[in-house]
Amino acid sequence: MTSSDIQIEKSHAVLKHFISEQKLPSEYACIAQTWFIPLALTLIKHQNSANRPILVGINGCQGSGKSTLTCFLSTLLNEVFKVASVSLSIDDFYLSKHSRQLLASTINPLLATRGVPGTHDIVLLESTLWSLRQGQPVSLPAFDKSMDDVKPQEQWEHAEHKYKIIILEGWCVGLDSQHPAQLLSPVNELEAKEDASGQWRQYVNDVLSVDYKRVFASIDYLVMLQAPSFEHVYAWRCEQEHKLKTSLASHRTDSQLPNETMSDSEILRFIQFYQRLTQHALSTIPAKCDRLFVLNETRGITQCQQH
């Protein structure tokens, strides 16, 4: 048996365990074997060619499966191909609730809600990525969405290896700012009623055009999971929240359900914060990303494009 055969056999075993651990549908095996294992091999080639740590960006709207893909790639790279890799979510770099409340009181009330550019600790993200590229030990931030706040630092994971592949996933990863003319008209009820002046969306666009652009410019390979449309985000986001609620309930010692999660109606409002830039991403990132996976409404991959 060749080393390639051994790797294929081991990748199938790792995939089987991953599907069971993540409670994924059996169909994920075919998707991973067809699309994601080859993607891992491509990333290894890019890293070998660069002969330095590379930063891989994974973009996708809420519920598209980007976190699952990121986790699978990291598992595959580390356990099967023995390529030291680490994964980060831009969600773990959200500002604390207190910091966002300060932004809300000094700039715009809508900035109290996590999500859009301007509600992340971009300085911490930059310094963390720098340390990982330099092979220096660093603690990786963690955000508790059920509490809407940063986890205590003693709960942060400590990264000490010299990683060859660094993966950064997030709904706005790799996104460019909009043209000023695109900011004039509101895209939904939230913008029309609560951002009538356009101040909030202008601030978000400004930080995206400077701070976030600087970080995203360092991405060596950009992957996108492209949803059919923004309309699918609500159903996918509800599914995420229901899973979170189930997970939290299973870890509680009393009989009460956790009250930190959002109801479906709260999710409907919440995703309006993301609508403008999600639609912008769906229309602009496909043309510039290195690998595009086109999704259907059940998150199956209908097409793959390489640029």
Protein backbone atom coordinates (compact mmCIF):
# COMPACT_ATOMS: atom_id res chain seq x y z
CA MET A 1 0.00 0.00 0.00
CA THR A 2 1.45 3.37 -1.04
CA SER A 3 1.62 6.42 1.23
CA SER A 4 -1.11 8.00 -0.92
CA ASP A 5 -3.38 4.98 -0.36
CA ILE A 6 -2.73 5.16 3.38
CA GLN A 7 -3.66 8.86 3.42
CA ILE A 8 -6.88 8.19 1.49
CA GLU A 9 -7.82 5.39 3.86
CA LYS A 10 -7.05 7.52 6.90
CA SER A 11 -8.96 10.52 5.49
CA HIS A 12 -12.06 8.35 5.12
CA ALA A 13 -11.73 7.15 8.73
CA VAL A 14 -11.27 10.73 9.98
CA LEU A 15 -14.26 11.85 7.92
CA LYS A 16 -16.46 9.09 9.33
CA HIS A 17 -15.53 10.07 12.88
CA PHE A 18 -16.00 13.78 12.09
CA ILE A 19 -19.52 13.22 10.75
CA SER A 20 -20.46 11.26 13.86
CA GLU A 21 -18.92 13.77 16.26
CA GLN A 22 -20.50 16.79 14.54
CA LYS A 23 -23.85 15.00 14.07
CA LEU A 24 -23.82 15.71 10.35
CA PRO A 25 -26.03 14.03 7.74
CA SER A 26 -24.52 11.04 5.94
CA GLU A 27 -24.55 13.05 2.69
CA TYR A 28 -21.68 15.13 4.06
CA ALA A 29 -19.32 12.24 3.34
CA CYS A 30 -19.85 12.53 -0.41
CA ILE A 31 -19.54 16.32 -0.32
CA ALA A 32 -16.30 16.16 1.67
CA GLN A 33 -14.74 13.47 -0.52
CA THR A 34 -15.71 15.24 -3.74
CA TRP A 35 -14.90 18.83 -2.81
CA PHE A 36 -13.23 19.37 0.56
CA ILE A 37 -10.46 16.76 0.62
CA PRO A 38 -9.22 18.05 -2.78
CA LEU A 39 -9.40 21.59 -1.34
CA ALA A 40 -7.12 20.51 1.52
CA LEU A 41 -4.62 19.13 -0.99
CA THR A 42 -4.72 22.42 -2.91
CA LEU A 43 -3.99 24.39 0.27
CA ILE A 44 -1.01 22.15 1.02
CA LYS A 45 0.37 22.82 -2.48
CA HIS A 46 -0.05 26.57 -1.98
CA GLN A 47 1.74 26.43 1.34
CA ASN A 48 4.57 24.37 -0.10
CA SER A 49 4.91 26.84 -2.97
CA ALA A 50 4.90 29.85 -0.64
CA ASN A 51 7.34 28.17 1.75
CA ARG A 52 5.89 30.16 4.64
CA PRO A 53 2.69 30.14 6.74
CA ILE A 54 -0.34 31.00 4.60
CA LEU A 55 -3.62 32.59 5.62
CA VAL A 56 -6.76 30.97 4.19
CA GLY A 57 -10.02 32.91 4.33
CA ILE A 58 -13.40 31.16 4.28
CA ASN A 59 -16.44 33.31 3.57
CA GLY A 60 -20.08 32.31 3.80
CA CYS A 61 -23.32 33.73 5.14
CA GLN A 62 -24.75 32.61 8.46
CA GLY A 63 -25.61 28.92 8.44
CA SER A 64 -23.83 28.18 5.17
CA GLY A 65 -21.52 25.59 6.72
CA LYS A 66 -18.29 27.60 6.81
CA SER A 67 -17.54 26.75 10.45
CA THR A 68 -18.03 23.04 9.73
CA LEU A 69 -15.81 23.26 6.65
CA THR A 70 -13.14 25.09 8.64
CA CYS A 71 -13.20 22.49 11.38
CA PHE A 72 -13.02 19.63 8.89
CA LEU A 73 -10.12 21.17 6.98
CA SER A 74 -8.18 21.77 10.18
CA THR A 75 -8.83 18.20 11.35
CA LEU A 76 -7.84 16.75 7.98
CA LEU A 77 -4.69 18.82 7.64
CA ASN A 78 -3.49 18.05 11.15
CA GLU A 79 -4.49 14.40 11.53
CA VAL A 80 -4.16 12.99 8.01
CA PHE A 81 -1.63 15.14 6.15
CA LYS A 82 0.38 16.17 9.23
CA VAL A 83 0.42 19.81 8.17
CA ALA A 84 0.26 21.95 11.32
CA SER A 85 -2.87 24.08 10.98
CA VAL A 86 -4.99 26.29 13.20
CA SER A 87 -8.45 27.73 12.64
CA LEU A 88 -9.97 30.99 13.85
CA SER A 89 -13.45 32.44 13.61
CA ILE A 90 -13.82 36.19 13.21
CA ASP A 91 -16.82 35.78 15.55
CA ASP A 92 -14.42 35.07 18.41
CA PHE A 93 -12.98 38.55 17.97
CA TYR A 94 -16.22 40.40 18.71
CA LEU A 95 -15.82 43.26 21.13
CA SER A 96 -17.10 42.72 24.65
CA LYS A 97 -20.64 43.73 25.48
CA HIS A 98 -19.30 46.68 27.48
CA SER A 99 -17.15 47.90 24.57
CA ARG A 100 -20.08 47.68 22.17
CA GLN A 101 -22.30 49.56 24.58
CA LEU A 102 -19.65 52.27 24.65
CA LEU A 103 -19.69 52.43 20.84
CA ALA A 104 -23.48 52.60 20.96
CA SER A 105 -23.42 55.55 23.32
CA THR A 106 -20.71 57.50 21.49
CA ILE A 107 -21.29 56.67 17.80
CA ASN A 108 -24.60 54.92 17.07
CA PRO A 109 -27.03 52.79 19.13
CA LEU A 110 -27.06 49.99 16.53
CA LEU A 111 -23.39 49.22 17.28
CA ALA A 112 -24.46 47.57 20.53
CA THR A 113 -25.46 44.56 18.43
CA ARG A 114 -22.55 42.30 17.44
CA GLY A 115 -22.04 41.33 13.84
CA VAL A 116 -21.09 44.09 11.44
CA PRO A 117 -17.59 45.44 10.83
CA GLY A 118 -16.80 47.83 13.65
CA THR A 119 -18.00 45.40 16.34
CA HIS A 120 -14.82 43.27 16.20
CA ASP A 121 -11.54 43.85 18.02
CA ILE A 122 -9.61 44.23 14.78
CA VAL A 123 -6.38 45.18 16.59
CA LEU A 124 -6.49 41.91 18.53
CA LEU A 125 -7.21 39.99 15.32
CA GLU A 126 -4.21 41.56 13.59
CA SER A 127 -1.86 40.90 16.49
CA THR A 128 -3.09 37.30 16.81
CA LEU A 129 -2.55 36.62 13.11
CA TRP A 130 0.90 38.22 13.30
CA SER A 131 1.91 35.99 16.21
CA LEU A 132 0.65 32.87 14.43
CA ARG A 133 2.56 33.78 11.26
CA GLN A 134 5.74 34.34 13.31
CA GLY A 135 5.30 31.04 15.10
CA GLN A 136 5.02 32.76 18.45
CA PRO A 137 2.82 31.45 21.30
CA VAL A 138 -0.49 33.27 21.52
CA SER A 139 -3.86 32.88 23.24
CA LEU A 140 -6.84 32.59 20.90
CA PRO A 141 -9.89 34.65 21.95
CA ALA A 142 -13.26 32.97 22.44
CA PHE A 143 -16.72 34.54 22.35
CA ASP A 144 -19.79 33.09 24.06
CA LYS A 145 -22.78 33.81 21.81
CA SER A 146 -25.25 32.53 24.38
CA MET A 147 -24.02 35.25 26.76
CA ASP A 148 -23.22 37.76 23.97
CA ASP A 149 -19.85 38.45 25.54
CA VAL A 150 -16.18 37.53 25.44
CA LYS A 151 -15.23 34.46 27.46
CA PRO A 152 -12.79 34.93 30.37
CA GLN A 153 -9.18 34.81 29.19
CA GLU A 154 -8.47 31.70 31.26
CA GLN A 155 -10.85 29.86 28.91
CA TRP A 156 -8.97 30.93 25.76
CA GLU A 157 -7.05 28.25 23.89
CA HIS A 158 -3.29 28.62 23.89
CA ALA A 159 -1.58 28.11 20.52
CA GLU A 160 2.11 27.24 20.69
CA HIS A 161 2.92 25.40 17.46
CA LYS A 162 4.52 26.81 14.34
CA TYR A 163 1.56 26.54 12.02
CA LYS A 164 1.88 26.25 8.26
CA ILE A 165 -1.77 26.95 7.47
CA ILE A 166 -3.92 29.49 9.35
CA ILE A 167 -7.64 29.46 8.55
CA LEU A 168 -9.85 32.48 9.26
CA GLU A 169 -13.58 31.99 8.72
CA GLY A 170 -16.40 34.50 8.95
CA TRP A 171 -19.42 35.92 7.18
CA CYS A 172 -17.56 39.13 6.20
CA VAL A 173 -14.08 37.66 5.64
CA GLY A 174 -12.59 38.97 2.40
CA LEU A 175 -15.33 41.54 1.87
CA ASP A 176 -14.68 44.94 0.28
CA SER A 177 -16.49 48.14 1.26
CA GLN A 178 -19.39 49.49 -0.78
CA HIS A 179 -19.42 52.53 -3.04
CA PRO A 180 -20.85 55.56 -1.17
CA ALA A 181 -23.81 55.70 -3.55
CA GLN A 182 -24.83 52.20 -2.48
CA LEU A 183 -25.33 53.41 1.09
CA LEU A 184 -28.04 55.95 0.27
CA SER A 185 -31.08 53.68 0.17
CA PRO A 186 -32.00 51.39 3.10
CA VAL A 187 -32.17 47.67 2.31
CA ASN A 188 -34.66 46.69 5.02
CA GLU A 189 -36.97 47.93 7.76
CA LEU A 190 -34.21 48.18 10.35
CA GLU A 191 -32.18 50.56 8.21
CA ALA A 192 -35.22 52.57 7.20
CA LYS A 193 -36.50 53.08 10.74
CA GLU A 194 -33.40 52.91 12.96
CA ASP A 195 -30.72 54.24 10.60
CA ALA A 196 -32.68 56.80 8.62
CA SER A 197 -29.68 59.15 8.58
CA GLY A 198 -27.36 56.42 7.29
CA GLN A 199 -24.87 57.10 10.08
CA TRP A 200 -24.60 53.47 11.18
CA ARG A 201 -24.08 52.00 7.72
CA GLN A 202 -21.60 54.76 6.88
CA TYR A 203 -19.52 53.96 9.97
CA VAL A 204 -19.59 50.25 9.16
CA ASN A 205 -18.49 50.95 5.59
CA ASP A 206 -15.70 53.26 6.74
CA VAL A 207 -14.08 50.70 9.05
CA LEU A 208 -14.52 48.00 6.40
CA SER A 209 -12.66 50.16 3.88
CA VAL A 210 -9.66 50.70 6.16
CA ASP A 211 -9.12 48.37 9.14
CA TYR A 212 -10.76 45.25 7.73
CA LYS A 213 -9.33 45.82 4.26
CA ARG A 214 -5.86 45.80 5.78
CA VAL A 215 -6.47 42.41 7.43
CA PHE A 216 -8.21 40.83 4.44
CA ALA A 217 -5.44 41.97 2.10
CA SER A 218 -3.15 39.46 3.83
CA ILE A 219 -5.32 36.48 2.84
CA ASP A 220 -3.38 34.15 0.53
CA TYR A 221 -6.29 31.94 -0.55
CA LEU A 222 -9.99 32.86 -0.32
CA VAL A 223 -12.81 30.30 -0.33
CA MET A 224 -16.51 31.14 -0.55
CA LEU A 225 -19.61 29.07 0.20
CA GLN A 226 -22.20 30.96 -1.87
CA ALA A 227 -25.79 30.72 -0.68
CA PRO A 228 -28.56 30.89 -3.32
CA SER A 229 -29.77 34.20 -1.85
CA PHE A 230 -30.08 36.15 1.38
CA GLU A 231 -33.60 34.74 1.87
CA HIS A 232 -32.09 31.40 2.92
CA VAL A 233 -30.18 33.00 5.79
CA TYR A 234 -33.21 33.16 8.08
CA ALA A 235 -33.95 29.43 7.92
CA TRP A 236 -30.28 28.51 8.26
CA ARG A 237 -29.76 30.93 11.16
CA CYS A 238 -32.81 29.56 12.98
CA GLU A 239 -31.36 26.07 12.59
CA GLN A 240 -28.09 27.26 14.15
CA GLU A 241 -29.87 28.84 17.11
CA HIS A 242 -32.00 25.75 17.72
CA LYS A 243 -28.84 23.62 17.84
CA LEU A 244 -27.25 26.07 20.27
CA LYS A 245 -30.33 25.96 22.48
CA THR A 246 -30.28 22.14 22.49
CA SER A 247 -26.57 22.08 23.29
CA LEU A 248 -26.96 24.53 26.16
CA ALA A 249 -29.94 22.64 27.55
CA SER A 250 -27.98 19.38 27.61
CA HIS A 251 -25.30 20.98 29.80
CA ARG A 252 -27.63 22.52 32.36
CA THR A 253 -28.16 20.89 35.72
CA ASP A 254 -31.71 22.22 36.21
CA SER A 255 -34.86 21.66 34.18
CA GLN A 256 -35.11 25.20 32.80
CA LEU A 257 -34.28 25.87 29.19
CA PRO A 258 -31.57 28.45 28.62
CA ASN A 259 -32.97 31.93 28.09
CA GLU A 260 -29.82 33.40 26.54
CA THR A 261 -30.64 32.22 23.01
CA MET A 262 -32.78 34.10 20.49
CA SER A 263 -36.32 33.32 19.46
CA ASP A 264 -37.16 33.02 15.75
CA SER A 265 -38.67 36.51 15.77
CA GLU A 266 -35.50 37.91 17.37
CA ILE A 267 -33.43 36.18 14.70
CA LEU A 268 -35.57 37.83 12.01
CA ARG A 269 -34.55 41.23 13.37
CA PHE A 270 -30.97 40.16 14.04
CA ILE A 271 -30.22 39.12 10.47
CA GLN A 272 -31.29 42.53 9.20
CA PHE A 273 -28.02 43.83 10.66
CA TYR A 274 -26.21 41.49 8.24
CA GLN A 275 -28.42 41.84 5.17
CA ARG A 276 -26.69 44.70 3.39
CA LEU A 277 -23.20 43.26 3.49
CA THR A 278 -24.32 39.66 3.00
CA GLN A 279 -25.98 40.64 -0.25
CA HIS A 280 -22.89 42.66 -1.16
CA ALA A 281 -20.72 39.60 -0.52
CA LEU A 282 -22.95 37.33 -2.59
CA SER A 283 -22.63 39.68 -5.56
CA THR A 284 -18.93 40.57 -5.34
CA ILE A 285 -16.85 37.83 -3.74
CA PRO A 286 -17.58 35.06 -6.31
CA ALA A 287 -15.60 36.93 -8.96
CA LYS A 288 -12.52 37.42 -6.80
CA CYS A 289 -12.24 34.36 -4.57
CA ASP A 290 -9.84 31.52 -5.38
CA ARG A 291 -12.37 28.70 -4.83
CA LEU A 292 -16.14 29.13 -5.10
CA PHE A 293 -18.62 26.51 -3.92
CA VAL A 294 -22.14 27.26 -5.17
CA LEU A 295 -24.76 25.99 -2.71
CA ASN A 296 -28.39 25.02 -3.15
CA GLU A 297 -31.10 25.58 -0.53
CA THR A 298 -30.10 22.43 1.38
CA ARG A 299 -26.40 23.44 1.34
CA GLY A 300 -25.52 20.86 -1.26
CA ILE A 301 -22.77 21.92 -3.66
CA THR A 302 -24.04 22.31 -7.21
CA GLN A 303 -20.91 23.83 -8.73
CA CYS A 304 -17.25 24.51 -7.96
CA GLN A 305 -15.21 27.23 -9.62
CA GLN A 306 -11.50 27.93 -9.34
CA HIS A 307 -9.93 31.23 -10.25
